[in-house]
């Protein structure tokens, strides 16, 4: 799969997600606004570059997430996502 051009904010987010990290970690480390992170996370999830983790349902990626409460989840870059940076 060819490398897709990521925005600087998307690259910054993926760089923070070597391990599952909560939303507030992403916000603190990148300095991005809530809305910018939310938009980038949704795009990166839809491209398969990051996976959603919901501790409420146990370890491992979750098949579902609530985009209206995106700050409730943790996120981890996928192998495909890491190859983009």
N, C-alpha and C. Protein backbone atom coordinates (compact mmCIF):
# COMPACT_ATOMS: atom_id res chain seq x y z
N UNK A 1 0.85 -1.18 0.00
CA UNK A 1 0.00 0.00 0.00
C UNK A 1 0.90 1.24 0.00
N UNK A 2 0.65 2.19 -0.88
CA UNK A 2 1.49 3.38 -0.93
C UNK A 2 1.31 4.24 0.31
N UNK A 3 2.36 4.94 0.65
CA UNK A 3 2.34 5.81 1.80
C UNK A 3 1.40 6.98 1.53
N UNK A 4 0.49 7.21 2.46
CA UNK A 4 -0.45 8.32 2.32
C UNK A 4 0.13 9.54 3.02
N UNK A 5 -0.11 10.70 2.47
CA UNK A 5 0.39 11.93 3.07
C UNK A 5 -0.47 12.29 4.28
N UNK A 6 0.17 12.25 5.46
CA UNK A 6 -0.53 12.63 6.68
C UNK A 6 -0.25 14.09 6.99
N UNK A 7 -1.21 14.72 7.63
CA UNK A 7 -1.00 16.10 8.06
C UNK A 7 -0.02 16.10 9.24
N UNK A 8 0.58 17.24 9.54
CA UNK A 8 1.49 17.30 10.70
C UNK A 8 0.81 16.89 12.00
N UNK A 9 -0.46 17.25 12.17
CA UNK A 9 -1.15 16.87 13.41
C UNK A 9 -1.41 15.36 13.46
N UNK A 10 -1.76 14.75 12.33
CA UNK A 10 -1.97 13.30 12.29
C UNK A 10 -0.67 12.57 12.60
N UNK A 11 0.43 13.05 12.05
CA UNK A 11 1.74 12.44 12.33
C UNK A 11 2.07 12.57 13.81
N UNK A 12 1.82 13.73 14.39
CA UNK A 12 2.09 13.94 15.82
C UNK A 12 1.28 12.98 16.68
N UNK A 13 0.04 12.75 16.30
CA UNK A 13 -0.82 11.84 17.06
C UNK A 13 -0.30 10.41 16.94
N UNK A 14 -0.02 9.95 15.75
CA UNK A 14 0.46 8.58 15.58
C UNK A 14 1.76 8.35 16.36
N UNK A 15 2.64 9.33 16.37
CA UNK A 15 3.92 9.21 17.10
C UNK A 15 3.71 8.98 18.59
N UNK A 16 2.59 9.42 19.13
CA UNK A 16 2.29 9.25 20.56
C UNK A 16 1.66 7.89 20.87
N UNK A 17 1.33 7.13 19.84
CA UNK A 17 0.51 5.93 20.06
C UNK A 17 1.24 4.62 19.82
N UNK A 18 2.50 4.55 20.23
CA UNK A 18 3.24 3.28 20.16
C UNK A 18 2.57 2.27 21.09
N UNK A 19 2.11 2.75 22.23
CA UNK A 19 1.35 1.94 23.20
C UNK A 19 -0.03 2.57 23.34
N UNK A 20 -1.01 1.82 23.85
CA UNK A 20 -2.33 2.43 24.04
C UNK A 20 -2.23 3.64 24.97
N UNK A 21 -2.77 4.75 24.53
CA UNK A 21 -2.71 5.99 25.30
C UNK A 21 -4.09 6.63 25.36
N UNK A 22 -4.46 7.20 26.51
CA UNK A 22 -5.76 7.88 26.63
C UNK A 22 -5.77 9.21 25.88
N UNK A 23 -6.94 9.69 25.63
CA UNK A 23 -7.14 10.93 24.90
C UNK A 23 -6.38 12.09 25.55
N UNK A 24 -6.43 12.19 26.88
CA UNK A 24 -5.77 13.32 27.54
C UNK A 24 -4.26 13.30 27.36
N UNK A 25 -3.66 12.11 27.21
CA UNK A 25 -2.22 12.02 26.91
C UNK A 25 -1.94 12.63 25.53
N UNK A 26 -2.77 12.29 24.56
CA UNK A 26 -2.59 12.83 23.21
C UNK A 26 -2.69 14.36 23.26
N UNK A 27 -3.67 14.86 23.98
CA UNK A 27 -3.88 16.30 24.06
C UNK A 27 -2.70 16.99 24.75
N UNK A 28 -2.22 16.42 25.84
CA UNK A 28 -1.10 17.01 26.57
C UNK A 28 0.18 17.00 25.74
N UNK A 29 0.47 15.87 25.11
CA UNK A 29 1.73 15.72 24.38
C UNK A 29 1.77 16.47 23.04
N UNK A 30 0.63 16.58 22.37
CA UNK A 30 0.62 17.24 21.07
C UNK A 30 0.29 18.73 21.17
N UNK A 31 -0.42 19.13 22.22
CA UNK A 31 -0.85 20.52 22.35
C UNK A 31 -1.97 20.90 21.40
N UNK A 32 -2.55 19.92 20.74
CA UNK A 32 -3.65 20.18 19.80
C UNK A 32 -4.96 20.38 20.54
N UNK A 33 -5.89 21.06 19.90
CA UNK A 33 -7.21 21.29 20.50
C UNK A 33 -8.03 20.00 20.49
N UNK A 34 -9.03 19.96 21.36
CA UNK A 34 -9.92 18.81 21.45
C UNK A 34 -10.51 18.49 20.07
N UNK A 35 -11.04 19.51 19.38
CA UNK A 35 -11.68 19.29 18.08
C UNK A 35 -10.72 18.78 17.03
N UNK A 36 -9.51 19.31 17.01
CA UNK A 36 -8.52 18.86 16.03
C UNK A 36 -8.16 17.40 16.27
N UNK A 37 -7.96 17.04 17.53
CA UNK A 37 -7.64 15.64 17.86
C UNK A 37 -8.80 14.74 17.49
N UNK A 38 -10.01 15.14 17.83
CA UNK A 38 -11.19 14.33 17.52
C UNK A 38 -11.28 14.07 16.02
N UNK A 39 -11.16 15.12 15.22
CA UNK A 39 -11.25 14.98 13.76
C UNK A 39 -10.15 14.06 13.22
N UNK A 40 -8.92 14.26 13.70
CA UNK A 40 -7.81 13.42 13.23
C UNK A 40 -7.98 11.97 13.67
N UNK A 41 -8.42 11.75 14.92
CA UNK A 41 -8.61 10.38 15.39
C UNK A 41 -9.64 9.65 14.53
N UNK A 42 -10.75 10.30 14.25
CA UNK A 42 -11.79 9.66 13.44
C UNK A 42 -11.24 9.30 12.06
N UNK A 43 -10.50 10.22 11.45
CA UNK A 43 -9.91 9.95 10.13
C UNK A 43 -8.91 8.79 10.21
N UNK A 44 -8.04 8.81 11.23
CA UNK A 44 -7.02 7.77 11.37
C UNK A 44 -7.64 6.40 11.67
N UNK A 45 -8.71 6.38 12.46
CA UNK A 45 -9.42 5.13 12.75
C UNK A 45 -10.03 4.59 11.45
N UNK A 46 -10.68 5.46 10.68
CA UNK A 46 -11.33 5.04 9.44
C UNK A 46 -10.33 4.51 8.41
N UNK A 47 -9.10 5.01 8.44
CA UNK A 47 -8.06 4.53 7.53
C UNK A 47 -7.36 3.27 8.06
N UNK A 48 -7.67 2.87 9.29
CA UNK A 48 -7.03 1.69 9.87
C UNK A 48 -5.64 1.97 10.43
N UNK A 49 -5.32 3.25 10.66
CA UNK A 49 -3.99 3.61 11.16
C UNK A 49 -3.88 3.58 12.67
N UNK A 50 -5.02 3.67 13.35
CA UNK A 50 -5.02 3.50 14.80
C UNK A 50 -6.22 2.64 15.18
N UNK A 51 -6.10 1.99 16.33
CA UNK A 51 -7.19 1.17 16.84
C UNK A 51 -7.66 1.74 18.16
N UNK A 52 -8.92 1.47 18.47
CA UNK A 52 -9.55 1.98 19.69
C UNK A 52 -9.49 0.91 20.76
N UNK A 53 -9.17 1.34 21.98
CA UNK A 53 -9.16 0.44 23.13
C UNK A 53 -10.15 0.98 24.16
N UNK A 54 -10.99 0.09 24.67
CA UNK A 54 -11.98 0.45 25.68
C UNK A 54 -11.77 -0.45 26.88
N UNK A 55 -11.13 0.08 27.93
CA UNK A 55 -10.78 -0.72 29.10
C UNK A 55 -12.02 -1.35 29.75
N UNK A 56 -13.18 -0.73 29.55
CA UNK A 56 -14.41 -1.25 30.13
C UNK A 56 -14.73 -2.67 29.61
N UNK A 57 -14.29 -2.95 28.39
CA UNK A 57 -14.57 -4.25 27.78
C UNK A 57 -13.35 -5.15 27.69
N UNK A 58 -12.32 -4.83 28.44
CA UNK A 58 -11.14 -5.69 28.50
C UNK A 58 -10.02 -5.24 27.57
N UNK A 59 -8.91 -5.97 27.62
CA UNK A 59 -7.74 -5.59 26.81
C UNK A 59 -7.99 -5.86 25.32
N UNK A 60 -7.18 -5.23 24.51
CA UNK A 60 -7.27 -5.45 23.07
C UNK A 60 -8.15 -4.43 22.41
N UNK A 61 -8.07 -4.39 21.09
CA UNK A 61 -8.84 -3.40 20.33
C UNK A 61 -10.34 -3.64 20.44
N UNK A 62 -11.09 -2.57 20.39
CA UNK A 62 -12.54 -2.62 20.43
C UNK A 62 -13.07 -2.40 19.03
N UNK A 63 -14.12 -3.09 18.68
CA UNK A 63 -14.71 -2.93 17.34
C UNK A 63 -15.56 -1.66 17.25
N UNK A 64 -15.95 -1.12 18.41
CA UNK A 64 -16.84 0.04 18.41
C UNK A 64 -16.27 1.15 19.28
N UNK A 65 -16.64 2.37 18.95
CA UNK A 65 -16.33 3.52 19.80
C UNK A 65 -17.40 4.57 19.58
N UNK A 66 -17.53 5.46 20.53
CA UNK A 66 -18.54 6.50 20.48
C UNK A 66 -17.85 7.81 20.11
N UNK A 67 -18.04 8.28 18.89
CA UNK A 67 -17.36 9.50 18.44
C UNK A 67 -17.83 10.74 19.20
N UNK A 68 -18.98 10.66 19.86
CA UNK A 68 -19.45 11.78 20.68
C UNK A 68 -18.77 11.81 22.04
N UNK A 69 -18.16 10.71 22.43
CA UNK A 69 -17.44 10.63 23.70
C UNK A 69 -16.04 10.08 23.46
N UNK A 70 -15.38 10.61 22.46
CA UNK A 70 -14.10 10.08 21.99
C UNK A 70 -13.01 10.16 23.07
N UNK A 71 -13.16 11.08 24.02
CA UNK A 71 -12.18 11.24 25.09
C UNK A 71 -12.23 10.10 26.10
N UNK A 72 -13.23 9.23 26.01
CA UNK A 72 -13.40 8.11 26.94
C UNK A 72 -12.50 6.91 26.62
N UNK A 73 -11.91 6.90 25.44
CA UNK A 73 -11.19 5.72 24.97
C UNK A 73 -9.69 5.95 24.93
N UNK A 74 -8.96 4.85 24.74
CA UNK A 74 -7.52 4.92 24.50
C UNK A 74 -7.27 4.50 23.05
N UNK A 75 -6.11 4.86 22.54
CA UNK A 75 -5.80 4.63 21.13
C UNK A 75 -4.39 4.12 20.97
N UNK A 76 -4.20 3.28 19.97
CA UNK A 76 -2.87 2.72 19.69
C UNK A 76 -2.68 2.67 18.18
N UNK A 77 -1.49 3.04 17.73
CA UNK A 77 -1.20 2.98 16.29
C UNK A 77 -1.14 1.53 15.84
N UNK A 78 -1.62 1.26 14.64
CA UNK A 78 -1.50 -0.06 14.04
C UNK A 78 -0.16 -0.14 13.29
N UNK A 79 0.20 -1.32 12.88
CA UNK A 79 1.41 -1.49 12.08
C UNK A 79 1.33 -0.64 10.82
N UNK A 80 0.16 -0.64 10.19
CA UNK A 80 -0.04 0.14 8.98
C UNK A 80 0.10 1.64 9.27
N UNK A 81 -0.39 2.08 10.41
CA UNK A 81 -0.28 3.48 10.78
C UNK A 81 1.16 3.89 11.03
N UNK A 82 1.92 3.02 11.71
CA UNK A 82 3.32 3.33 12.00
C UNK A 82 4.15 3.42 10.71
N UNK A 83 3.77 2.64 9.71
CA UNK A 83 4.49 2.69 8.43
C UNK A 83 4.27 4.00 7.70
N UNK A 84 3.24 4.74 8.08
CA UNK A 84 2.95 6.01 7.42
C UNK A 84 3.84 7.16 7.90
N UNK A 85 4.50 6.96 9.04
CA UNK A 85 5.29 8.08 9.58
C UNK A 85 6.78 7.94 9.34
